[in-house]
Amino acid sequence: MAGISPPSAAPIGAALFDLDGTLVETEHRSRAAWTRLFHAHGLEVDAALLATFVGRRGQEALGDHVHRFPGSTVNELFDEAVGYLGSPDIPPPFPVPGADVLVKKLHAEGVPMAVVTSGLREHARALLDLVGGAGLFTAVITAEDVTQGKPHPEGFLAGCAALGVEPARAVAFEDAPAGIAAAKAAGLACVALTTTHTAEAIAAADLIVPDLAGISWPPLPMTTA
């Protein structure tokens, strides 16, 4: 695999994965839920607006628009949107190509792994069952575990602390600009997938790939000290 050197000469020793759009394809469901929320309140929504929700904590993304929902709080709107995910006409989530193979391989090789997601813990554990289960990961950092969501680096710093690894020795796998910004701000190298955004939109990553199929370890070439 081709790529550029991440900002460290230390060997990569851990992997931190975003969840939605990185390990499991869920964006089709999220788009549908957010769209229904806006339409239920008589508001228009377009692809550009929906893109601002990707990779962020739902409550924080909603906070940018709550003024458009008179009489509703962020938490009420978030709960309403989550409720739409149970609608029978919304298609189920499915693993990103190569995700289950990669995480099982890294687990078998003893590579420390964590999940750093903007989603809730219950949501995360259910999705991780699609790629082998939460038990493959040393830590699962969710929206409940941080005070500031992506693009703030708090989640990735917490993930590195849980793994006992310096950020300079870890690589993040992400799919959204907010997540890439969070990883880079925390000091991690970053591999980005074009599962939810164009390559141009995620150009800040160190390496861009279509999915997780065929990923080798480490995924980035390293310089020597």
Protein backbone atom coordinates (compact mmCIF):
# COMPACT_ATOMS: atom_id res chain seq x y z
CA MET A 1 0.00 0.00 0.00
CA ALA A 2 1.21 3.48 -0.81
CA GLY A 3 1.05 6.33 1.62
CA ILE A 4 2.99 9.11 3.27
CA SER A 5 4.84 8.99 6.55
CA PRO A 6 2.80 9.93 9.63
CA PRO A 7 4.26 12.60 11.92
CA SER A 8 6.36 10.22 14.01
CA ALA A 9 9.44 8.01 13.63
CA ALA A 10 8.19 5.62 16.33
CA PRO A 11 6.71 2.31 15.16
CA ILE A 12 2.94 2.09 15.18
CA GLY A 13 1.78 0.00 18.13
CA ALA A 14 -2.00 0.41 18.33
CA ALA A 15 -5.10 0.92 16.20
CA LEU A 16 -8.05 3.16 17.09
CA PHE A 17 -11.17 2.79 14.98
CA ASP A 18 -14.09 5.07 14.41
CA LEU A 19 -17.25 2.97 14.14
CA ASP A 20 -20.01 4.40 11.94
CA GLY A 21 -18.79 4.49 8.35
CA THR A 22 -15.42 2.98 9.28
CA LEU A 23 -16.16 -0.46 10.70
CA VAL A 24 -19.89 -0.61 9.96
CA GLU A 25 -21.90 1.08 7.22
CA THR A 26 -24.61 3.06 8.97
CA GLU A 27 -24.67 6.38 7.18
CA HIS A 28 -27.67 5.39 5.04
CA ARG A 29 -29.63 4.88 8.26
CA SER A 30 -28.43 8.10 9.88
CA ARG A 31 -29.27 10.16 6.80
CA ALA A 32 -32.77 8.70 6.79
CA ALA A 33 -33.32 9.41 10.49
CA TRP A 34 -32.05 13.00 10.34
CA THR A 35 -34.08 13.64 7.19
CA ARG A 36 -37.26 12.39 8.87
CA LEU A 37 -36.57 14.54 11.89
CA PHE A 38 -36.31 17.71 9.82
CA HIS A 39 -39.30 16.83 7.65
CA ALA A 40 -41.43 15.96 10.70
CA HIS A 41 -40.93 19.55 11.85
CA GLY A 42 -41.67 21.04 8.45
CA LEU A 43 -38.04 21.82 7.65
CA GLU A 44 -36.09 21.21 4.47
CA VAL A 45 -32.81 19.33 4.55
CA ASP A 46 -30.20 18.69 1.89
CA ALA A 47 -27.03 16.65 1.41
CA ALA A 48 -24.77 19.50 2.46
CA LEU A 49 -26.55 19.89 5.80
CA LEU A 50 -26.60 16.14 6.43
CA ALA A 51 -22.86 15.96 5.79
CA THR A 52 -22.26 18.21 8.79
CA PHE A 53 -23.67 15.48 11.06
CA VAL A 54 -21.24 12.76 9.91
CA GLY A 55 -18.64 11.78 12.50
CA ARG A 56 -19.98 14.08 15.23
CA ARG A 57 -21.99 13.48 18.37
CA GLY A 58 -25.62 13.81 17.39
CA GLN A 59 -26.46 16.24 20.15
CA GLU A 60 -23.62 18.55 19.19
CA ALA A 61 -24.56 18.49 15.51
CA LEU A 62 -28.19 19.18 16.42
CA GLY A 63 -27.06 22.07 18.58
CA ASP A 64 -26.11 23.92 15.41
CA HIS A 65 -29.74 23.76 14.23
CA VAL A 66 -31.88 23.64 17.38
CA HIS A 67 -32.91 27.25 16.83
CA ARG A 68 -34.86 26.03 13.80
CA PHE A 69 -37.02 23.76 16.01
CA PRO A 70 -39.04 26.17 18.21
CA GLY A 71 -40.10 24.65 21.51
CA SER A 72 -37.81 21.60 21.23
CA THR A 73 -34.62 20.82 23.11
CA VAL A 74 -31.56 19.11 21.67
CA ASN A 75 -32.15 16.00 23.78
CA GLU A 76 -35.79 15.76 22.69
CA LEU A 77 -34.81 16.06 19.04
CA PHE A 78 -32.02 13.53 19.41
CA ASP A 79 -34.32 10.98 21.04
CA GLU A 80 -36.87 11.54 18.27
CA ALA A 81 -34.24 10.92 15.57
CA VAL A 82 -32.96 7.77 17.30
CA GLY A 83 -36.53 6.51 17.44
CA TYR A 84 -36.77 6.65 13.66
CA LEU A 85 -33.94 4.10 13.39
CA GLY A 86 -36.42 1.46 14.56
CA SER A 87 -38.67 2.00 11.56
CA PRO A 88 -39.02 -1.23 9.56
CA ASP A 89 -38.38 0.49 6.24
CA ILE A 90 -34.88 1.66 7.21
CA PRO A 91 -32.34 -0.91 5.92
CA PRO A 92 -30.01 -2.59 8.42
CA PRO A 93 -26.36 -1.75 8.98
CA PHE A 94 -23.64 -3.94 7.48
CA PRO A 95 -19.86 -4.30 7.89
CA VAL A 96 -17.51 -2.17 5.82
CA PRO A 97 -15.65 -4.52 3.42
CA GLY A 98 -12.64 -6.02 5.19
CA ALA A 99 -13.55 -4.72 8.65
CA ASP A 100 -14.21 -8.04 10.34
CA VAL A 101 -11.12 -9.64 8.78
CA LEU A 102 -8.86 -6.77 9.85
CA VAL A 103 -9.99 -6.47 13.47
CA LYS A 104 -9.89 -10.23 14.01
CA LYS A 105 -6.40 -10.38 12.48
CA LEU A 106 -5.08 -7.55 14.64
CA HIS A 107 -6.66 -9.08 17.76
CA ALA A 108 -5.06 -12.44 16.99
CA GLU A 109 -1.68 -10.73 16.55
CA GLY A 110 -2.01 -8.92 19.87
CA VAL A 111 -2.26 -5.41 18.44
CA PRO A 112 -3.98 -3.18 21.03
CA MET A 113 -7.24 -1.79 19.63
CA ALA A 114 -9.89 0.69 20.73
CA VAL A 115 -13.07 2.08 19.25
CA VAL A 116 -13.61 5.84 19.43
CA THR A 117 -17.13 6.65 18.33
CA SER A 118 -19.49 9.61 18.44
CA GLY A 119 -22.35 7.18 19.04
CA LEU A 120 -23.84 5.91 22.27
CA ARG A 121 -22.48 2.82 24.06
CA GLU A 122 -25.57 0.66 23.49
CA HIS A 123 -25.52 1.56 19.79
CA ALA A 124 -21.79 0.83 19.57
CA ARG A 125 -21.95 -2.60 21.18
CA ALA A 126 -24.77 -3.69 18.89
CA LEU A 127 -22.86 -2.61 15.79
CA LEU A 128 -19.61 -4.21 16.93
CA ASP A 129 -21.34 -7.59 16.96
CA LEU A 130 -21.29 -7.30 13.15
CA VAL A 131 -17.48 -7.34 13.08
CA GLY A 132 -16.70 -9.86 15.82
CA GLY A 133 -17.88 -8.20 19.01
CA ALA A 134 -16.78 -5.53 21.45
CA GLY A 135 -14.59 -8.14 23.17
CA LEU A 136 -11.99 -7.78 20.42
CA PHE A 137 -11.24 -4.27 21.64
CA THR A 138 -9.46 -3.22 24.81
CA ALA A 139 -11.58 -0.07 25.08
CA VAL A 140 -14.74 1.38 23.54
CA ILE A 141 -14.87 5.16 23.93
CA THR A 142 -18.36 6.51 23.23
CA ALA A 143 -20.24 9.80 23.36
CA GLU A 144 -20.99 9.21 27.04
CA ASP A 145 -17.28 9.04 27.87
CA VAL A 146 -16.24 12.49 26.65
CA THR A 147 -17.25 16.05 27.38
CA GLN A 148 -16.36 17.25 23.88
CA GLY A 149 -16.96 15.22 20.72
CA LYS A 150 -15.05 15.13 17.47
CA PRO A 151 -13.36 17.20 16.03
CA HIS A 152 -12.07 17.69 19.58
CA PRO A 153 -9.25 15.18 20.29
CA GLU A 154 -10.60 14.10 23.71
CA GLY A 155 -11.95 10.76 22.49
CA PHE A 156 -8.73 9.67 20.78
CA LEU A 157 -6.62 10.80 23.71
CA ALA A 158 -8.87 8.75 26.00
CA GLY A 159 -8.52 5.76 23.69
CA CYS A 160 -4.72 5.99 23.70
CA ALA A 161 -4.70 6.31 27.48
CA ALA A 162 -6.89 3.21 27.81
CA LEU A 163 -4.48 1.29 25.59
CA GLY A 164 -1.42 2.62 27.39
CA VAL A 165 0.13 3.90 24.17
CA GLU A 166 1.44 7.31 23.18
CA PRO A 167 -0.61 8.95 20.40
CA ALA A 168 2.51 9.12 18.22
CA ARG A 169 2.57 5.32 18.22
CA ALA A 170 -1.06 4.87 17.20
CA VAL A 171 -3.02 5.06 13.97
CA ALA A 172 -6.65 6.10 13.68
CA PHE A 173 -9.05 4.74 11.08
CA GLU A 174 -11.72 7.31 10.17
CA ASP A 175 -14.21 8.26 7.47
CA ALA A 176 -15.21 11.85 8.25
CA PRO A 177 -13.44 15.22 8.34
CA ALA A 178 -14.42 15.74 11.99
CA GLY A 179 -12.87 12.43 12.98
CA ILE A 180 -9.71 13.03 10.98
CA ALA A 181 -9.32 16.44 12.61
CA ALA A 182 -9.76 14.85 16.04
CA ALA A 183 -7.18 12.15 15.35
CA LYS A 184 -4.61 14.57 13.98
CA ALA A 185 -5.16 17.01 16.85
CA ALA A 186 -4.50 14.16 19.27
CA GLY A 187 -1.23 13.35 17.51
CA LEU A 188 -2.22 10.13 15.74
CA ALA A 189 -1.52 9.15 12.16
CA CYS A 190 -4.76 8.66 10.25
CA VAL A 191 -6.06 6.32 7.55
CA ALA A 192 -9.31 7.57 6.02
CA LEU A 193 -11.96 5.62 4.11
CA THR A 194 -14.02 7.05 1.28
CA THR A 195 -17.16 5.33 2.57
CA THR A 196 -19.01 8.55 3.40
CA HIS A 197 -16.94 11.37 1.86
CA THR A 198 -14.95 12.05 -1.26
CA ALA A 199 -11.18 11.76 -1.23
CA GLU A 200 -10.99 15.54 -1.53
CA ALA A 201 -13.06 16.02 1.63
CA ILE A 202 -10.77 13.75 3.68
CA ALA A 203 -7.47 14.87 2.16
CA ALA A 204 -6.08 15.75 5.60
CA ALA A 205 -5.54 12.04 6.32
CA ASP A 206 -2.13 10.40 5.89
CA LEU A 207 -3.55 7.65 3.70
CA ILE A 208 -6.87 7.35 1.85
CA VAL A 209 -8.40 3.98 0.97
CA PRO A 210 -11.82 2.87 -0.30
CA ASP A 211 -12.46 0.43 2.59
CA LEU A 212 -10.61 -1.93 4.94
CA ALA A 213 -10.14 -4.82 2.52
CA GLY A 214 -6.50 -5.75 2.07
CA ILE A 215 -5.14 -3.41 4.77
CA SER A 216 -1.71 -4.55 5.93
CA TRP A 217 -0.14 -3.80 9.30
CA PRO A 218 1.22 -1.28 9.88
CA PRO A 219 -0.86 0.53 7.27
CA LEU A 220 1.56 3.45 6.87
CA PRO A 221 5.26 3.51 5.95
CA MET A 222 7.46 4.79 8.74
CA THR A 223 10.60 6.90 8.74
CA THR A 224 13.63 5.89 10.78
CA ALA A 225 14.67 7.90 13.81
